[in-house]
């Protein structure tokens, strides 16, 4: 199994399970963002984990090719830049948490992206 397939499988499992949890009301991004806003240490750890994860993925998978594996590279860059921005600007989460609310659209989007990565990881 190549690295792209492994990463796609991991992303698929995480996104599909998280999306389902959002849809059935077990996870609220608004509450998570509120908790992060109340805890600077937790915000720093979350941002650092995002930045480290993104950097590790980019170190081993920074390939700008004309096939589906570029999605992993784009995901990795988003993870790195998102993690760095949370570490540098921790209060920016307050701004983004207002857009989450309790809308099921986030769960649906997560499931969609999970299914997309799942297709490339498990089927193709």
Protein backbone atom coordinates (compact mmCIF):
# COMPACT_ATOMS: atom_id res chain seq x y z
CA UNK A 1 0.00 0.00 0.00
CA UNK A 2 1.42 3.36 -0.94
CA UNK A 3 1.37 6.40 1.32
CA UNK A 4 -1.38 8.19 -0.60
CA UNK A 5 -3.76 5.27 -0.15
CA UNK A 6 -2.97 4.96 3.56
CA UNK A 7 -3.52 8.68 4.20
CA UNK A 8 -6.76 8.64 2.17
CA UNK A 9 -8.03 5.73 4.29
CA UNK A 10 -7.18 7.52 7.53
CA UNK A 11 -8.84 10.76 6.42
CA UNK A 12 -11.90 8.83 5.24
CA UNK A 13 -12.42 7.04 8.54
CA UNK A 14 -11.95 10.20 10.60
CA UNK A 15 -14.18 12.39 8.41
CA UNK A 16 -17.00 9.88 7.98
CA UNK A 17 -17.14 9.03 11.68
CA UNK A 18 -16.94 12.69 12.71
CA UNK A 19 -19.57 13.69 10.15
CA UNK A 20 -21.96 11.04 11.45
CA UNK A 21 -21.31 12.21 15.02
CA UNK A 22 -22.16 15.77 13.98
CA UNK A 23 -25.35 14.68 12.23
CA UNK A 24 -26.65 12.65 15.19
CA UNK A 25 -25.79 15.45 17.61
CA UNK A 26 -22.91 13.80 19.46
CA UNK A 27 -20.37 16.42 18.38
CA UNK A 28 -20.87 20.19 18.30
CA UNK A 29 -18.14 22.23 16.67
CA UNK A 30 -19.58 25.30 18.32
CA UNK A 31 -18.99 23.74 21.76
CA UNK A 32 -15.52 22.54 20.78
CA UNK A 33 -14.57 26.03 19.58
CA UNK A 34 -15.99 27.47 22.81
CA UNK A 35 -13.92 25.08 24.89
CA UNK A 36 -10.80 25.94 22.90
CA UNK A 37 -11.55 29.64 23.38
CA UNK A 38 -11.67 29.10 27.15
CA UNK A 39 -8.41 27.13 27.30
CA UNK A 40 -5.30 28.75 25.82
CA UNK A 41 -3.25 25.63 26.58
CA UNK A 42 -5.67 23.35 24.76
CA UNK A 43 -5.81 25.78 21.83
CA UNK A 44 -2.01 25.81 21.62
CA UNK A 45 -1.85 22.01 21.75
CA UNK A 46 -4.53 21.64 19.07
CA UNK A 47 -2.80 24.14 16.80
CA UNK A 48 0.57 22.52 17.38
CA UNK A 49 -0.82 19.05 16.60
CA UNK A 50 -2.33 20.39 13.38
CA UNK A 51 0.92 22.06 12.36
CA UNK A 52 3.02 18.99 13.19
CA UNK A 53 0.61 16.64 11.40
CA UNK A 54 0.56 18.87 8.34
CA UNK A 55 4.35 19.15 8.32
CA UNK A 56 4.83 15.40 8.62
CA UNK A 57 2.39 14.77 5.79
CA UNK A 58 4.08 17.39 3.61
CA UNK A 59 7.51 15.96 4.33
CA UNK A 60 6.45 12.63 2.91
CA UNK A 61 3.67 13.66 0.54
CA UNK A 62 4.22 17.03 -1.11
CA UNK A 63 3.47 16.01 -4.66
CA UNK A 64 1.75 18.37 -7.05
CA UNK A 65 0.61 15.91 -9.69
CA UNK A 66 -2.42 15.74 -11.98
CA UNK A 67 -4.28 12.97 -10.20
CA UNK A 68 -6.26 12.44 -7.00
CA UNK A 69 -3.16 12.35 -4.76
CA UNK A 70 -2.89 16.13 -5.02
CA UNK A 71 -5.92 16.22 -2.68
CA UNK A 72 -3.67 14.80 0.07
CA UNK A 73 -1.12 17.54 -0.58
CA UNK A 74 -3.80 20.24 -0.46
CA UNK A 75 -5.22 18.70 2.75
CA UNK A 76 -1.70 18.66 4.25
CA UNK A 77 -1.08 22.31 3.44
CA UNK A 78 -4.46 23.26 4.90
CA UNK A 79 -3.64 21.31 8.07
CA UNK A 80 -0.23 22.97 8.40
CA UNK A 81 -1.47 26.50 7.73
CA UNK A 82 -4.53 26.03 9.93
CA UNK A 83 -2.40 24.75 12.81
CA UNK A 84 0.06 27.61 12.48
CA UNK A 85 -2.72 30.20 12.35
CA UNK A 86 -4.32 28.77 15.51
CA UNK A 87 -0.98 28.93 17.35
CA UNK A 88 -0.29 32.51 16.20
CA UNK A 89 -3.87 33.83 16.38
CA UNK A 90 -5.71 31.67 18.97
CA UNK A 91 -8.63 34.09 19.24
CA UNK A 92 -9.41 33.58 15.55
CA UNK A 93 -11.32 30.46 16.59
CA UNK A 94 -13.96 32.70 18.16
CA UNK A 95 -14.58 34.25 14.77
CA UNK A 96 -14.90 30.89 13.01
CA UNK A 97 -17.00 29.27 15.73
CA UNK A 98 -19.84 31.67 14.94
CA UNK A 99 -20.18 30.12 11.50
CA UNK A 100 -20.45 26.54 12.79
CA UNK A 101 -23.58 26.85 14.91
CA UNK A 102 -25.49 23.57 14.95
CA UNK A 103 -26.13 23.27 11.23
CA UNK A 104 -26.06 19.71 9.87
CA UNK A 105 -24.34 21.01 6.74
CA UNK A 106 -20.94 20.53 8.40
CA UNK A 107 -21.67 16.88 9.08
CA UNK A 108 -22.84 16.39 5.51
CA UNK A 109 -19.71 18.07 4.13
CA UNK A 110 -17.49 15.93 6.34
CA UNK A 111 -19.21 12.76 5.19
CA UNK A 112 -18.90 13.88 1.56
CA UNK A 113 -15.16 14.48 1.88
CA UNK A 114 -14.79 11.26 3.85
CA UNK A 115 -16.54 9.33 1.08
CA UNK A 116 -14.37 11.04 -1.53
CA UNK A 117 -11.16 10.06 0.24
CA UNK A 118 -12.65 6.65 1.04
CA UNK A 119 -13.25 6.04 -2.64
CA UNK A 120 -9.62 6.76 -3.46
CA UNK A 121 -8.31 4.89 -0.42
CA UNK A 122 -10.49 1.79 -0.35
CA UNK A 123 -11.98 1.39 -3.83
CA UNK A 124 -9.69 2.82 -6.47
